[in-house]
Amino acid sequence: MSGHDAIHLRGLEFYAYHGALPEEQVLGQKFIIDIDLFVDLSRAGNSDQVQDTIHYGEVYNVIKTCVKDHKHQLIEYLAEKIAQAVLAQFNCKSIRVEVHKPQAPVAGIFRDVSVEIWRPAGGTV
């Protein structure tokens, strides 16, 4: 294995109700998720069979459930929940999760606020 194989899901947009301010949990806002799954893709590359890889449509559904089904105060917590859920359900060596909050309640001009976490499979999450 090369150690550098990855599946990327970029720009997954969801409307949800996360935030430390009460208004955020009532009004909601857009969240954008980027995720990298680090996995050996050599078997899938040789077999051309979906069962030899991680089905990114199924990963999307896990992320959607994490983002939409609960309210959290911190995007750090949301990123951790996404990492835990994906690592529990899919056979990858490690994961990177980035949660963007483009309409964060910050008095200033900015593109977005985000957090990024990296977690190994079987590690302390």
C-alpha atoms as a PDB file:
ATOM      1  CA  MET A   1       0.000   0.000   0.000  1.00  0.00           C
ATOM      2  CA  SER A   2       1.277   3.445  -0.863  1.00  0.00           C
ATOM      3  CA  GLY A   3      -0.178   5.035   2.285  1.00  0.00           C
ATOM      4  CA  HIS A   4      -1.456   8.018   0.324  1.00  0.00           C
ATOM      5  CA  ASP A   5      -4.756   6.723  -1.077  1.00  0.00           C
ATOM      6  CA  ALA A   6      -7.792   8.774  -0.127  1.00  0.00           C
ATOM      7  CA  ILE A   7     -11.444   9.354  -0.886  1.00  0.00           C
ATOM      8  CA  HIS A   8     -12.440  13.022  -0.711  1.00  0.00           C
ATOM      9  CA  LEU A   9     -15.915  14.448  -0.218  1.00  0.00           C
ATOM     10  CA  ARG A  10     -15.883  18.230  -0.613  1.00  0.00           C
ATOM     11  CA  GLY A  11     -18.409  20.988  -0.080  1.00  0.00           C
ATOM     12  CA  LEU A  12     -21.218  18.954   1.488  1.00  0.00           C
ATOM     13  CA  GLU A  13     -23.777  21.633   2.398  1.00  0.00           C
ATOM     14  CA  PHE A  14     -26.393  21.273   5.093  1.00  0.00           C
ATOM     15  CA  TYR A  15     -28.761  23.658   6.839  1.00  0.00           C
ATOM     16  CA  ALA A  16     -28.604  22.908  10.566  1.00  0.00           C
ATOM     17  CA  TYR A  17     -28.881  24.384  14.052  1.00  0.00           C
ATOM     18  CA  HIS A  18     -25.451  24.353  15.704  1.00  0.00           C
ATOM     19  CA  GLY A  19     -23.998  27.223  17.697  1.00  0.00           C
ATOM     20  CA  ALA A  20     -23.289  28.570  21.138  1.00  0.00           C
ATOM     21  CA  LEU A  21     -25.777  31.433  20.776  1.00  0.00           C
ATOM     22  CA  PRO A  22     -29.462  30.671  21.355  1.00  0.00           C
ATOM     23  CA  GLU A  23     -30.397  32.364  18.051  1.00  0.00           C
ATOM     24  CA  GLU A  24     -28.192  29.932  16.121  1.00  0.00           C
ATOM     25  CA  GLN A  25     -30.080  26.975  17.529  1.00  0.00           C
ATOM     26  CA  VAL A  26     -33.407  28.549  16.544  1.00  0.00           C
ATOM     27  CA  LEU A  27     -32.672  30.236  13.206  1.00  0.00           C
ATOM     28  CA  GLY A  28     -30.050  27.813  11.900  1.00  0.00           C
ATOM     29  CA  GLN A  29     -27.489  28.381   9.180  1.00  0.00           C
ATOM     30  CA  LYS A  30     -25.469  26.681   6.462  1.00  0.00           C
ATOM     31  CA  PHE A  31     -22.630  24.309   7.355  1.00  0.00           C
ATOM     32  CA  ILE A  32     -20.157  22.910   4.847  1.00  0.00           C
ATOM     33  CA  ILE A  33     -18.292  19.653   5.447  1.00  0.00           C
ATOM     34  CA  ASP A  34     -15.072  18.468   3.788  1.00  0.00           C
ATOM     35  CA  ILE A  35     -13.882  14.974   4.605  1.00  0.00           C
ATOM     36  CA  ASP A  36     -10.965  12.760   3.611  1.00  0.00           C
ATOM     37  CA  LEU A  37     -11.005   9.003   4.164  1.00  0.00           C
ATOM     38  CA  PHE A  38      -7.552   7.459   4.069  1.00  0.00           C
ATOM     39  CA  VAL A  39      -7.883   3.891   2.832  1.00  0.00           C
ATOM     40  CA  ASP A  40      -5.980   1.452   0.626  1.00  0.00           C
ATOM     41  CA  LEU A  41      -7.711   1.716  -2.755  1.00  0.00           C
ATOM     42  CA  SER A  42      -5.511  -0.796  -4.597  1.00  0.00           C
ATOM     43  CA  ARG A  43      -8.027  -3.636  -4.381  1.00  0.00           C
ATOM     44  CA  ALA A  44     -10.849  -1.490  -5.791  1.00  0.00           C
ATOM     45  CA  GLY A  45      -8.487  -0.128  -8.410  1.00  0.00           C
ATOM     46  CA  ASN A  46      -7.865  -3.667  -9.647  1.00  0.00           C
ATOM     47  CA  SER A  47     -11.332  -5.182  -9.203  1.00  0.00           C
ATOM     48  CA  ASP A  48     -13.641  -2.340 -10.327  1.00  0.00           C
ATOM     49  CA  GLN A  49     -16.098  -3.536  -7.632  1.00  0.00           C
ATOM     50  CA  VAL A  50     -17.831  -1.187  -5.190  1.00  0.00           C
ATOM     51  CA  GLN A  51     -17.572  -3.730  -2.357  1.00  0.00           C
ATOM     52  CA  ASP A  52     -13.774  -3.283  -2.490  1.00  0.00           C
ATOM     53  CA  THR A  53     -13.935   0.396  -1.598  1.00  0.00           C
ATOM     54  CA  ILE A  54     -15.855   2.727   0.704  1.00  0.00           C
ATOM     55  CA  HIS A  55     -19.179   3.757  -0.849  1.00  0.00           C
ATOM     56  CA  TYR A  56     -19.099   7.561  -0.672  1.00  0.00           C
ATOM     57  CA  GLY A  57     -22.890   7.766  -0.979  1.00  0.00           C
ATOM     58  CA  GLU A  58     -23.178   5.838   2.279  1.00  0.00           C
ATOM     59  CA  VAL A  59     -20.548   8.085   3.886  1.00  0.00           C
ATOM     60  CA  TYR A  60     -22.592  11.113   2.801  1.00  0.00           C
ATOM     61  CA  ASN A  61     -25.680   9.701   4.542  1.00  0.00           C
ATOM     62  CA  VAL A  62     -23.757   9.171   7.795  1.00  0.00           C
ATOM     63  CA  ILE A  63     -22.478  12.753   7.693  1.00  0.00           C
ATOM     64  CA  LYS A  64     -25.965  14.079   6.900  1.00  0.00           C
ATOM     65  CA  THR A  65     -27.393  12.261   9.926  1.00  0.00           C
ATOM     66  CA  CYS A  66     -24.663  13.684  12.191  1.00  0.00           C
ATOM     67  CA  VAL A  67     -25.212  17.249  10.979  1.00  0.00           C
ATOM     68  CA  LYS A  68     -29.003  17.332  10.735  1.00  0.00           C
ATOM     69  CA  ASP A  69     -30.303  15.088  13.525  1.00  0.00           C
ATOM     70  CA  HIS A  70     -28.868  16.899  16.571  1.00  0.00           C
ATOM     71  CA  LYS A  71     -28.027  20.417  17.749  1.00  0.00           C
ATOM     72  CA  HIS A  72     -24.574  21.112  19.161  1.00  0.00           C
ATOM     73  CA  GLN A  73     -22.969  24.235  20.554  1.00  0.00           C
ATOM     74  CA  LEU A  74     -19.532  23.733  19.015  1.00  0.00           C
ATOM     75  CA  ILE A  75     -18.434  22.837  15.502  1.00  0.00           C
ATOM     76  CA  GLU A  76     -15.493  21.077  17.173  1.00  0.00           C
ATOM     77  CA  TYR A  77     -17.995  18.703  18.756  1.00  0.00           C
ATOM     78  CA  LEU A  78     -19.801  18.221  15.449  1.00  0.00           C
ATOM     79  CA  ALA A  79     -16.512  17.391  13.689  1.00  0.00           C
ATOM     80  CA  GLU A  80     -15.714  14.827  16.387  1.00  0.00           C
ATOM     81  CA  LYS A  81     -19.146  13.200  16.066  1.00  0.00           C
ATOM     82  CA  ILE A  82     -18.751  12.933  12.300  1.00  0.00           C
ATOM     83  CA  ALA A  83     -15.284  11.369  12.682  1.00  0.00           C
ATOM     84  CA  GLN A  84     -16.514   8.875  15.273  1.00  0.00           C
ATOM     85  CA  ALA A  85     -19.528   7.838  13.190  1.00  0.00           C
ATOM     86  CA  VAL A  86     -17.595   7.392   9.944  1.00  0.00           C
ATOM     87  CA  LEU A  87     -14.728   5.501  11.609  1.00  0.00           C
ATOM     88  CA  ALA A  88     -17.232   3.216  13.345  1.00  0.00           C
ATOM     89  CA  GLN A  89     -19.029   2.313  10.112  1.00  0.00           C
ATOM     90  CA  PHE A  90     -16.314   2.245   7.446  1.00  0.00           C
ATOM     91  CA  ASN A  91     -12.961   0.511   7.128  1.00  0.00           C
ATOM     92  CA  CYS A  92     -10.527   3.382   6.742  1.00  0.00           C
ATOM     93  CA  LYS A  93      -7.122   3.904   8.342  1.00  0.00           C
ATOM     94  CA  SER A  94      -7.745   7.509   9.323  1.00  0.00           C
ATOM     95  CA  ILE A  95      -9.996  10.451   8.618  1.00  0.00           C
ATOM     96  CA  ARG A  96      -9.823  14.219   8.278  1.00  0.00           C
ATOM     97  CA  VAL A  97     -12.986  16.232   8.932  1.00  0.00           C
ATOM     98  CA  GLU A  98     -13.355  19.954   8.346  1.00  0.00           C
ATOM     99  CA  VAL A  99     -16.530  21.767   9.381  1.00  0.00           C
ATOM    100  CA  HIS A 100     -17.063  25.223   7.858  1.00  0.00           C
ATOM    101  CA  LYS A 101     -19.426  27.775   9.334  1.00  0.00           C
ATOM    102  CA  PRO A 102     -19.662  30.557   6.724  1.00  0.00           C
ATOM    103  CA  GLN A 103     -22.228  32.636   8.615  1.00  0.00           C
ATOM    104  CA  ALA A 104     -20.588  32.441  12.041  1.00  0.00           C
ATOM    105  CA  PRO A 105     -21.700  35.313  14.285  1.00  0.00           C
ATOM    106  CA  VAL A 106     -18.455  37.283  14.057  1.00  0.00           C
ATOM    107  CA  ALA A 107     -18.437  41.062  13.743  1.00  0.00           C
ATOM    108  CA  GLY A 108     -16.235  41.365  10.697  1.00  0.00           C
ATOM    109  CA  ILE A 109     -15.762  40.499   7.050  1.00  0.00           C
ATOM    110  CA  PHE A 110     -14.625  36.916   6.465  1.00  0.00           C
ATOM    111  CA  ARG A 111     -15.256  34.000   4.121  1.00  0.00           C
ATOM    112  CA  ASP A 112     -15.867  31.414   6.842  1.00  0.00           C
ATOM    113  CA  VAL A 113     -14.768  29.930  10.115  1.00  0.00           C
ATOM    114  CA  SER A 114     -13.799  26.266  10.226  1.00  0.00           C
ATOM    115  CA  VAL A 115     -12.314  23.570  12.405  1.00  0.00           C
ATOM    116  CA  GLU A 116     -10.295  20.616  11.169  1.00  0.00           C
ATOM    117  CA  ILE A 117      -9.583  17.360  12.971  1.00  0.00           C
ATOM    118  CA  TRP A 118      -7.587  14.246  12.032  1.00  0.00           C
ATOM    119  CA  ARG A 119      -8.383  10.920  13.686  1.00  0.00           C
ATOM    120  CA  PRO A 120      -6.894   7.434  13.268  1.00  0.00           C
ATOM    121  CA  ALA A 121      -9.036   4.310  13.100  1.00  0.00           C
ATOM    122  CA  GLY A 122      -9.067   2.560  16.449  1.00  0.00           C
ATOM    123  CA  GLY A 123      -7.452   5.557  18.100  1.00  0.00           C
ATOM    124  CA  THR A 124      -8.677   7.705  20.913  1.00  0.00           C
ATOM    125  CA  VAL A 125     -11.425   9.830  19.436  1.00  0.00           C
END
